Amino acid sequence: MKLEQNIYPYDPELEALPFRLRGIGGSGWQGRVERPEGYMWHQVLFCADGEGRLEHDGGTETVKAGCFVYLPKNVPHKYYPVTERWDVRWVSFDGCCDSVLMQLGFGGAAVVHTDDFGEMETIFDKMVDSQRTDILYSGYTCSGLVYQYMLGLRRLFTTDADRSRSRKLSMLMPALKYMYDNYREDISMAFLAQLIGVTPQHFCRIFKSTMNMRPNDFLTGRRLDEAERLLNDSMLSVAEIAENCGFRDAGYFSTVFRRHRGVSPAGFRKVKSQTG
């Protein structure tokens, strides 16, 4: 990530790109930057050496070697060195990307430290090379590279808790898929536990800690979602829908539906017919 210059590409024909590179650069002697009204573009900083401070949202964070900083557009901030040498690389971008950034979890300024930034360094270098050598298509190339850069940054923000939940979710996936596809059946916890190779007690513990609900709650939710679809889109009777969705009888189905949806199946169908 060594770059002692700033590049500001300009091409008005690329306004509609989802991610549009607006600038890329760096300096081994980064100075003080104050933006009381924020910056016009989203920005990612990387500290390769030295130490600085970032002030935003009324707080101060240390930015040292190995730190990435994400700064959304229009968010007031300032950053400055606290060591004589502060080596900082940066990427700025905009485009039709705000909703994507929100989905990725980039809702505000943030700092993350990592010892493994090889992937990010490679993407950064590709953007620089494209700007220097690919005159015709660099804008399109860098649009994809900025997206990769932000995906890589999102992975760095993944916490140990996130990784643990991801592992548990992968472990539960055979059981989740079975419940989703076979909701009409009478499914036992013992069978689901067997699918992932654990005891029923351990299965219930993992499920609750990962999904924030019990397995039976998940299955009931799946059945009710399908019941809503049939009430809305079919002429089946309430009893037929109950049977199609895995409930043991129409009375029990009506009780569960009212408990979770606040209205009876017949009432739900009536409201939908009047508003649809």
Protein backbone atom coordinates (compact mmCIF):
# COMPACT_ATOMS: atom_id res chain seq x y z
CA MET A 1 0.00 0.00 0.00
CA LYS A 2 2.81 2.42 -0.73
CA LEU A 3 1.60 5.46 -2.61
CA GLU A 4 2.94 9.00 -2.30
CA GLN A 5 0.41 10.67 -4.53
CA ASN A 6 -3.33 11.34 -4.79
CA ILE A 7 -5.46 10.33 -7.78
CA TYR A 8 -8.90 11.85 -8.39
CA PRO A 9 -10.58 10.16 -11.37
CA TYR A 10 -13.32 12.07 -13.15
CA ASP A 11 -15.81 10.73 -15.66
CA PRO A 12 -19.37 12.16 -15.62
CA GLU A 13 -20.63 9.19 -17.66
CA LEU A 14 -20.13 6.90 -14.65
CA GLU A 15 -22.58 8.66 -12.33
CA ALA A 16 -24.97 5.68 -12.22
CA LEU A 17 -22.40 3.10 -11.10
CA PRO A 18 -23.23 1.44 -7.75
CA PHE A 19 -19.71 2.14 -6.46
CA ARG A 20 -17.74 4.96 -8.04
CA LEU A 21 -14.11 5.58 -7.10
CA ARG A 22 -13.65 9.27 -6.39
CA GLY A 23 -10.12 9.29 -5.08
CA ILE A 24 -7.24 7.10 -3.97
CA GLY A 25 -3.93 8.09 -2.46
CA GLY A 26 -1.69 8.21 0.55
CA SER A 27 1.20 9.81 2.36
CA GLY A 28 3.82 8.70 4.82
CA TRP A 29 3.44 12.08 6.51
CA GLN A 30 -0.29 12.45 6.89
CA GLY A 31 -1.20 15.82 8.36
CA ARG A 32 -4.19 17.14 10.27
CA VAL A 33 -7.60 17.02 8.59
CA GLU A 34 -10.69 18.74 10.03
CA ARG A 35 -14.10 18.42 8.43
CA PRO A 36 -16.78 19.99 10.67
CA GLU A 37 -19.44 19.19 8.07
CA GLY A 38 -18.00 15.87 6.98
CA TYR A 39 -16.63 14.83 3.60
CA MET A 40 -18.66 14.73 0.40
CA TRP A 41 -17.71 11.08 -0.25
CA HIS A 42 -17.44 7.89 1.76
CA GLN A 43 -13.85 7.23 2.79
CA VAL A 44 -11.71 4.37 4.07
CA LEU A 45 -8.34 5.10 5.69
CA PHE A 46 -5.61 2.59 6.45
CA CYS A 47 -2.74 3.28 8.85
CA ALA A 48 0.43 1.50 7.72
CA ASP A 49 2.76 3.04 10.32
CA GLY A 50 2.81 5.53 13.17
CA GLU A 51 -0.17 6.62 15.21
CA GLY A 52 -2.96 9.17 14.95
CA ARG A 53 -6.29 10.09 16.46
CA LEU A 54 -9.78 10.15 14.99
CA GLU A 55 -12.47 12.35 16.54
CA HIS A 56 -16.11 11.78 15.64
CA ASP A 57 -19.51 11.65 17.36
CA GLY A 58 -18.05 13.27 20.47
CA GLY A 59 -15.38 10.61 21.03
CA THR A 60 -11.72 9.98 20.20
CA GLU A 61 -10.19 6.76 18.87
CA THR A 62 -6.57 5.75 18.37
CA VAL A 63 -5.55 4.90 14.82
CA LYS A 64 -2.29 2.93 14.77
CA ALA A 65 -0.51 0.56 12.40
CA GLY A 66 -2.94 -2.06 11.10
CA CYS A 67 -6.06 0.07 11.65
CA PHE A 68 -8.77 0.64 9.06
CA VAL A 69 -11.15 3.57 9.48
CA TYR A 70 -14.50 3.88 7.74
CA LEU A 71 -15.92 7.42 7.48
CA PRO A 72 -19.39 7.80 5.93
CA LYS A 73 -20.05 10.84 3.79
CA ASN A 74 -21.28 14.00 5.52
CA VAL A 75 -20.31 12.82 9.02
CA PRO A 76 -18.29 15.51 10.90
CA HIS A 77 -14.82 14.32 11.93
CA LYS A 78 -11.18 15.20 12.31
CA TYR A 79 -8.01 13.12 12.32
CA TYR A 80 -4.41 14.04 13.03
CA PRO A 81 -1.00 12.46 13.77
CA VAL A 82 0.37 11.99 17.29
CA THR A 83 3.70 10.59 16.10
CA GLU A 84 6.08 12.48 13.82
CA ARG A 85 5.46 10.06 10.98
CA TRP A 86 1.94 8.84 10.28
CA ASP A 87 1.64 6.66 7.17
CA VAL A 88 -1.96 6.66 5.89
CA ARG A 89 -3.53 5.31 2.69
CA TRP A 90 -7.08 6.26 1.68
CA VAL A 91 -9.89 5.44 -0.73
CA SER A 92 -12.93 7.66 -1.31
CA PHE A 93 -16.05 6.72 -3.25
CA ASP A 94 -19.72 7.39 -3.83
CA GLY A 95 -22.36 6.04 -6.21
CA CYS A 96 -25.74 4.40 -5.80
CA CYS A 97 -24.42 2.44 -2.85
CA ASP A 98 -25.99 3.80 0.32
CA SER A 99 -28.50 0.95 0.72
CA VAL A 100 -25.78 -1.64 0.07
CA LEU A 101 -23.55 -0.05 2.69
CA MET A 102 -26.38 -0.14 5.22
CA GLN A 103 -27.02 -3.82 4.47
CA LEU A 104 -23.32 -4.50 5.04
CA GLY A 105 -23.54 -2.79 8.43
CA PHE A 106 -21.76 0.46 7.61
CA GLY A 107 -24.11 2.78 9.45
CA GLY A 108 -21.53 5.06 11.04
CA ALA A 109 -17.83 5.82 11.45
CA ALA A 110 -15.82 2.88 12.79
CA VAL A 111 -12.25 1.71 13.45
CA VAL A 112 -10.99 -1.86 13.27
CA HIS A 113 -7.48 -3.29 13.78
CA THR A 114 -6.11 -6.31 11.93
CA ASP A 115 -2.81 -8.07 11.40
CA ASP A 116 -4.06 -9.67 8.17
CA PHE A 117 -4.60 -6.97 5.55
CA GLY A 118 -3.05 -8.76 2.56
CA GLU A 119 -6.36 -9.05 0.69
CA MET A 120 -7.13 -5.38 1.22
CA GLU A 121 -3.65 -4.39 0.10
CA THR A 122 -4.03 -6.41 -3.11
CA ILE A 123 -7.36 -4.74 -3.96
CA PHE A 124 -5.93 -1.28 -3.19
CA ASP A 125 -2.96 -1.92 -5.51
CA LYS A 126 -5.29 -3.14 -8.28
CA MET A 127 -7.26 0.11 -8.07
CA VAL A 128 -4.08 2.16 -8.32
CA ASP A 129 -2.79 0.10 -11.26
CA SER A 130 -6.12 0.41 -13.05
CA GLN A 131 -6.09 4.20 -12.68
CA ARG A 132 -2.57 4.37 -14.05
CA THR A 133 -2.84 1.94 -16.96
CA ASP A 134 -6.48 1.36 -17.99
CA ILE A 135 -7.66 4.68 -19.35
CA LEU A 136 -10.85 3.44 -21.05
CA TYR A 137 -12.28 1.06 -18.47
CA SER A 138 -10.71 1.97 -15.15
CA GLY A 139 -13.97 3.48 -13.86
CA TYR A 140 -15.85 0.23 -14.39
CA THR A 141 -12.98 -1.89 -13.10
CA CYS A 142 -12.62 0.20 -9.96
CA SER A 143 -16.36 0.11 -9.31
CA GLY A 144 -16.09 -3.63 -8.79
CA LEU A 145 -12.86 -3.28 -6.84
CA VAL A 146 -14.36 -0.73 -4.43
CA TYR A 147 -17.19 -3.18 -3.77
CA GLN A 148 -14.63 -5.93 -3.07
CA TYR A 149 -12.76 -3.53 -0.81
CA MET A 150 -15.87 -2.84 1.26
CA LEU A 151 -16.71 -6.54 1.47
CA GLY A 152 -13.19 -7.19 2.71
CA LEU A 153 -13.56 -4.41 5.26
CA ARG A 154 -16.87 -5.87 6.44
CA ARG A 155 -15.13 -9.19 7.09
CA LEU A 156 -12.58 -7.40 9.25
CA PHE A 157 -15.38 -5.92 11.36
CA THR A 158 -16.80 -9.39 11.98
CA THR A 159 -16.44 -10.06 15.72
CA ASP A 160 -15.62 -13.32 17.47
CA ALA A 161 -19.29 -13.52 18.45
CA ASP A 162 -20.28 -13.15 14.78
CA ARG A 163 -17.87 -15.90 13.78
CA SER A 164 -19.15 -18.18 16.54
CA ARG A 165 -22.75 -17.61 15.47
CA SER A 166 -21.80 -18.24 11.84
CA ARG A 167 -20.25 -21.60 12.77
CA LYS A 168 -23.33 -22.58 14.77
CA LEU A 169 -25.62 -21.49 11.96
CA SER A 170 -23.69 -23.65 9.49
CA MET A 171 -23.99 -26.56 11.90
CA LEU A 172 -27.77 -26.04 12.22
CA MET A 173 -28.38 -25.60 8.50
CA PRO A 174 -29.40 -29.24 7.75
CA ALA A 175 -32.03 -29.07 10.51
CA LEU A 176 -33.23 -25.60 9.46
CA LYS A 177 -33.59 -26.69 5.84
CA TYR A 178 -35.44 -29.85 6.85
CA MET A 179 -37.93 -27.89 8.97
CA TYR A 180 -38.40 -25.32 6.22
CA ASP A 181 -39.06 -27.92 3.52
CA ASN A 182 -41.02 -30.47 5.59
CA TYR A 183 -43.11 -28.28 7.89
CA ARG A 184 -46.21 -30.43 7.21
CA GLU A 185 -44.63 -33.41 8.98
CA ASP A 186 -44.63 -34.25 12.68
CA ILE A 187 -40.94 -33.50 13.31
CA SER A 188 -39.24 -34.61 16.53
CA MET A 189 -36.31 -32.90 18.22
CA ALA A 190 -34.55 -36.26 18.35
CA PHE A 191 -34.70 -36.53 14.55
CA LEU A 192 -33.41 -32.98 14.03
CA ALA A 193 -30.60 -33.54 16.53
CA GLN A 194 -29.63 -36.69 14.68
CA LEU A 195 -29.36 -34.70 11.44
CA ILE A 196 -26.51 -32.64 12.87
CA GLY A 197 -24.99 -35.36 15.10
CA VAL A 198 -25.73 -34.06 18.59
CA THR A 199 -28.05 -34.94 21.47
CA PRO A 200 -31.56 -33.44 21.54
CA GLN A 201 -30.63 -31.38 24.62
CA HIS A 202 -27.51 -29.98 22.95
CA PHE A 203 -29.45 -29.32 19.75
CA CYS A 204 -32.04 -27.23 21.65
CA ARG A 205 -29.30 -25.26 23.43
CA ILE A 206 -27.43 -24.49 20.19
CA PHE A 207 -30.65 -23.56 18.40
CA LYS A 208 -31.82 -21.21 21.16
CA SER A 209 -28.44 -19.44 21.47
CA THR A 210 -28.10 -19.04 17.69
CA MET A 211 -31.66 -18.29 16.56
CA ASN A 212 -32.96 -16.62 19.74
CA MET A 213 -35.94 -18.97 19.69
CA ARG A 214 -36.71 -22.62 20.32
CA PRO A 215 -36.87 -25.12 17.43
CA ASN A 216 -40.62 -25.49 17.91
CA ASP A 217 -41.04 -21.71 17.64
CA PHE A 218 -39.16 -21.72 14.32
CA LEU A 219 -41.32 -24.56 13.01
CA THR A 220 -44.51 -22.86 14.15
CA GLY A 221 -43.45 -19.63 12.44
CA ARG A 222 -42.79 -21.51 9.19
CA ARG A 223 -46.22 -23.18 9.38
CA LEU A 224 -47.98 -19.88 10.09
CA ASP A 225 -46.23 -18.15 7.19
CA GLU A 226 -47.49 -20.87 4.86
CA ALA A 227 -50.95 -20.66 6.42
CA GLU A 228 -51.06 -16.93 5.72
CA ARG A 229 -50.16 -17.59 2.10
CA LEU A 230 -52.93 -20.17 1.71
CA LEU A 231 -55.50 -17.99 3.46
CA ASN A 232 -54.64 -15.19 1.08
CA ASP A 233 -54.14 -17.09 -2.18
CA SER A 234 -56.39 -20.17 -2.01
CA MET A 235 -60.03 -21.14 -1.46
CA LEU A 236 -59.12 -23.97 0.95
CA SER A 237 -61.10 -24.16 4.16
CA VAL A 238 -59.49 -23.36 7.50
CA ALA A 239 -59.50 -27.08 8.34
CA GLU A 240 -57.79 -27.95 5.04
CA ILE A 241 -55.19 -25.25 5.58
CA ALA A 242 -54.52 -26.53 9.09
CA GLU A 243 -53.90 -30.01 7.73
CA ASN A 244 -51.74 -28.71 4.87
CA CYS A 245 -49.56 -26.72 7.29
CA GLY A 246 -48.86 -29.48 9.81
CA PHE A 247 -51.33 -28.59 12.59
CA ARG A 248 -53.08 -31.51 14.26
CA ASP A 249 -56.59 -30.02 14.00
CA ALA A 250 -58.40 -26.84 12.97
CA GLY A 251 -59.16 -25.78 16.55
CA TYR A 252 -55.52 -25.92 17.61
CA PHE A 253 -54.51 -24.14 14.40
CA SER A 254 -56.97 -21.31 15.08
CA THR A 255 -55.71 -20.94 18.65
CA VAL A 256 -52.06 -20.76 17.57
CA PHE A 257 -52.82 -18.42 14.67
CA ARG A 258 -54.75 -16.00 16.89
CA ARG A 259 -51.99 -16.09 19.55
CA HIS A 260 -49.28 -15.15 17.07
CA ARG A 261 -51.18 -13.00 14.57
CA GLY A 262 -53.75 -11.36 16.83
CA VAL A 263 -56.68 -12.45 14.68
CA SER A 264 -58.40 -15.71 13.77
CA PRO A 265 -57.66 -17.39 10.41
CA ALA A 266 -61.16 -16.49 9.19
CA GLY A 267 -60.69 -12.91 10.37
CA PHE A 268 -57.32 -12.69 8.62
CA ARG A 269 -58.84 -13.92 5.38
CA LYS A 270 -61.71 -11.42 5.63
CA VAL A 271 -59.38 -8.48 6.20
CA LYS A 272 -57.15 -9.52 3.31
CA SER A 273 -60.11 -9.85 0.96
CA GLN A 274 -61.30 -6.34 1.86
CA THR A 275 -57.86 -4.70 1.48
CA GLY A 276 -56.54 -6.75 -1.41
